[in-house]
Amino acid sequence: KLETVLLKRSGGSAPYQARVIGEVSNVPTGAAIANAVYDAIGVPLFELPATAERVYRLLQESDKA
């Protein structure tokens, strides 16, 4: 679960000169998961979440091609 917390700037700067906390580390997560699925099954995944049903459907569609 991700929780967003907004910090109000006082005097023009955030505490400890913080600019971004947490968001930057979340950006590559989806791509890393999709790449891991691709490495495991050899079929690209372009949508998240990577549910078992979605992965199974991708595997079925790749056998038809």
N, C-alpha and C. Protein backbone atom coordinates (compact mmCIF):
# COMPACT_ATOMS: atom_id res chain seq x y z
N LYS A 1 0.84 -1.17 0.00
CA LYS A 1 0.00 0.00 0.00
C LYS A 1 0.88 1.23 0.00
N LEU A 2 0.61 2.14 -0.91
CA LEU A 2 1.35 3.40 -0.97
C LEU A 2 0.51 4.50 -0.35
N GLU A 3 1.12 5.32 0.44
CA GLU A 3 0.43 6.44 1.05
C GLU A 3 1.12 7.73 0.62
N THR A 4 0.34 8.65 0.10
CA THR A 4 0.89 9.93 -0.34
C THR A 4 0.78 10.93 0.79
N VAL A 5 1.87 11.60 1.06
CA VAL A 5 1.92 12.63 2.09
C VAL A 5 2.45 13.89 1.44
N LEU A 6 1.69 14.97 1.51
CA LEU A 6 2.11 16.24 0.95
C LEU A 6 2.69 17.11 2.07
N LEU A 7 3.88 17.62 1.84
CA LEU A 7 4.53 18.50 2.81
C LEU A 7 4.40 19.93 2.33
N LYS A 8 3.93 20.79 3.20
CA LYS A 8 3.85 22.20 2.85
C LYS A 8 5.22 22.84 3.02
N ARG A 9 5.56 23.69 2.08
CA ARG A 9 6.83 24.39 2.15
C ARG A 9 6.66 25.59 3.07
N SER A 10 7.59 25.76 3.97
CA SER A 10 7.58 26.93 4.84
C SER A 10 8.84 27.75 4.56
N GLY A 11 8.67 28.99 4.25
CA GLY A 11 9.83 29.83 3.98
C GLY A 11 10.50 29.51 2.67
N GLY A 12 9.78 28.87 1.73
CA GLY A 12 10.34 28.64 0.41
C GLY A 12 11.10 27.34 0.26
N SER A 13 11.28 26.56 1.31
CA SER A 13 11.97 25.28 1.15
C SER A 13 11.36 24.23 2.07
N ALA A 14 11.40 23.01 1.63
CA ALA A 14 10.87 21.90 2.41
C ALA A 14 11.88 21.50 3.48
N PRO A 15 11.44 20.81 4.51
CA PRO A 15 12.38 20.36 5.55
C PRO A 15 13.49 19.51 4.96
N TYR A 16 14.69 19.75 5.36
CA TYR A 16 15.87 19.00 4.91
C TYR A 16 16.08 19.10 3.40
N GLN A 17 15.55 20.14 2.81
CA GLN A 17 15.67 20.37 1.36
C GLN A 17 15.06 19.22 0.55
N ALA A 18 14.07 18.56 1.09
CA ALA A 18 13.42 17.43 0.40
C ALA A 18 12.66 17.95 -0.80
N ARG A 19 12.78 17.28 -1.90
CA ARG A 19 12.06 17.62 -3.13
C ARG A 19 11.14 16.46 -3.53
N VAL A 20 11.64 15.26 -3.50
CA VAL A 20 10.87 14.08 -3.89
C VAL A 20 11.23 12.96 -2.91
N ILE A 21 10.20 12.32 -2.40
CA ILE A 21 10.46 11.21 -1.49
C ILE A 21 9.59 10.04 -1.93
N GLY A 22 10.22 8.96 -2.37
CA GLY A 22 9.48 7.75 -2.69
C GLY A 22 9.03 7.61 -4.12
N GLU A 23 8.57 8.68 -4.74
CA GLU A 23 8.03 8.56 -6.09
C GLU A 23 9.08 8.08 -7.09
N VAL A 24 10.28 8.57 -6.97
CA VAL A 24 11.33 8.22 -7.92
C VAL A 24 11.59 6.71 -7.91
N SER A 25 11.56 6.11 -6.76
CA SER A 25 11.83 4.67 -6.69
C SER A 25 10.67 3.85 -7.24
N ASN A 26 9.48 4.42 -7.36
CA ASN A 26 8.32 3.69 -7.88
C ASN A 26 8.24 3.71 -9.39
N VAL A 27 8.89 4.62 -10.04
CA VAL A 27 8.78 4.76 -11.49
C VAL A 27 9.24 3.50 -12.23
N PRO A 28 10.42 2.94 -11.95
CA PRO A 28 10.88 1.80 -12.74
C PRO A 28 10.30 0.45 -12.30
N THR A 29 9.50 0.42 -11.27
CA THR A 29 9.01 -0.85 -10.74
C THR A 29 8.17 -1.62 -11.75
N GLY A 30 7.23 -0.96 -12.41
CA GLY A 30 6.39 -1.64 -13.39
C GLY A 30 7.19 -2.22 -14.54
N ALA A 31 8.16 -1.44 -15.03
CA ALA A 31 9.00 -1.93 -16.13
C ALA A 31 9.85 -3.12 -15.68
N ALA A 32 10.33 -3.08 -14.45
CA ALA A 32 11.13 -4.19 -13.93
C ALA A 32 10.30 -5.46 -13.83
N ILE A 33 9.05 -5.32 -13.39
CA ILE A 33 8.17 -6.49 -13.30
C ILE A 33 7.88 -7.04 -14.70
N ALA A 34 7.55 -6.14 -15.63
CA ALA A 34 7.26 -6.58 -17.00
C ALA A 34 8.46 -7.26 -17.62
N ASN A 35 9.65 -6.73 -17.41
CA ASN A 35 10.86 -7.35 -17.95
C ASN A 35 11.13 -8.71 -17.31
N ALA A 36 10.85 -8.84 -16.03
CA ALA A 36 11.05 -10.13 -15.35
C ALA A 36 10.08 -11.18 -15.92
N VAL A 37 8.85 -10.77 -16.18
CA VAL A 37 7.88 -11.70 -16.78
C VAL A 37 8.35 -12.10 -18.17
N TYR A 38 8.81 -11.13 -18.95
CA TYR A 38 9.31 -11.43 -20.30
C TYR A 38 10.49 -12.39 -20.24
N ASP A 39 11.42 -12.17 -19.32
CA ASP A 39 12.57 -13.07 -19.17
C ASP A 39 12.12 -14.48 -18.79
N ALA A 40 11.07 -14.57 -18.00
CA ALA A 40 10.61 -15.88 -17.53
C ALA A 40 9.82 -16.65 -18.59
N ILE A 41 8.97 -15.96 -19.35
CA ILE A 41 8.08 -16.68 -20.27
C ILE A 41 8.36 -16.39 -21.74
N GLY A 42 9.15 -15.37 -22.02
CA GLY A 42 9.48 -15.06 -23.41
C GLY A 42 8.40 -14.33 -24.18
N VAL A 43 7.41 -13.80 -23.46
CA VAL A 43 6.33 -13.05 -24.08
C VAL A 43 6.27 -11.69 -23.41
N PRO A 44 6.26 -10.59 -24.19
CA PRO A 44 6.24 -9.27 -23.57
C PRO A 44 4.91 -8.96 -22.88
N LEU A 45 5.00 -8.30 -21.77
CA LEU A 45 3.83 -7.88 -20.99
C LEU A 45 3.79 -6.37 -21.02
N PHE A 46 2.71 -5.80 -21.55
CA PHE A 46 2.62 -4.35 -21.70
C PHE A 46 1.63 -3.70 -20.75
N GLU A 47 0.94 -4.50 -19.93
CA GLU A 47 -0.04 -3.97 -18.99
C GLU A 47 0.18 -4.58 -17.62
N LEU A 48 0.01 -3.78 -16.59
CA LEU A 48 0.04 -4.25 -15.22
C LEU A 48 -1.35 -4.11 -14.64
N PRO A 49 -1.72 -4.90 -13.68
CA PRO A 49 -0.90 -5.85 -12.94
C PRO A 49 -0.64 -7.14 -13.72
N ALA A 50 0.42 -7.78 -13.39
CA ALA A 50 0.81 -9.03 -14.04
C ALA A 50 0.12 -10.18 -13.32
N THR A 51 -1.18 -10.30 -13.54
CA THR A 51 -1.94 -11.35 -12.88
C THR A 51 -1.68 -12.69 -13.57
N ALA A 52 -1.98 -13.76 -12.87
CA ALA A 52 -1.81 -15.09 -13.44
C ALA A 52 -2.68 -15.24 -14.68
N GLU A 53 -3.89 -14.70 -14.65
CA GLU A 53 -4.80 -14.80 -15.79
C GLU A 53 -4.23 -14.07 -17.00
N ARG A 54 -3.67 -12.87 -16.78
CA ARG A 54 -3.12 -12.10 -17.90
C ARG A 54 -1.91 -12.82 -18.50
N VAL A 55 -1.04 -13.35 -17.65
CA VAL A 55 0.14 -14.06 -18.14
C VAL A 55 -0.28 -15.31 -18.89
N TYR A 56 -1.27 -16.02 -18.37
CA TYR A 56 -1.77 -17.22 -19.04
C TYR A 56 -2.34 -16.87 -20.42
N ARG A 57 -3.12 -15.78 -20.48
CA ARG A 57 -3.69 -15.35 -21.76
C ARG A 57 -2.59 -15.00 -22.75
N LEU A 58 -1.55 -14.32 -22.30
CA LEU A 58 -0.43 -13.99 -23.18
C LEU A 58 0.24 -15.24 -23.72
N LEU A 59 0.41 -16.23 -22.86
CA LEU A 59 1.01 -17.49 -23.29
C LEU A 59 0.13 -18.18 -24.33
N GLN A 60 -1.19 -18.17 -24.11
CA GLN A 60 -2.12 -18.79 -25.06
C GLN A 60 -2.08 -18.07 -26.40
N GLU A 61 -2.06 -16.73 -26.37
CA GLU A 61 -2.04 -15.94 -27.61
C GLU A 61 -0.74 -16.12 -28.37
N SER A 62 0.36 -16.31 -27.65
CA SER A 62 1.64 -16.47 -28.32
C SER A 62 1.74 -17.82 -29.02
N ASP A 63 1.04 -18.84 -28.52
CA ASP A 63 1.05 -20.16 -29.17
C ASP A 63 0.25 -20.14 -30.47
N LYS A 64 -0.72 -19.23 -30.58
CA LYS A 64 -1.55 -19.13 -31.78
C LYS A 64 -0.82 -18.44 -32.92
N ALA A 65 0.14 -17.60 -32.57
CA ALA A 65 0.84 -16.81 -33.61
C ALA A 65 1.82 -17.63 -34.40
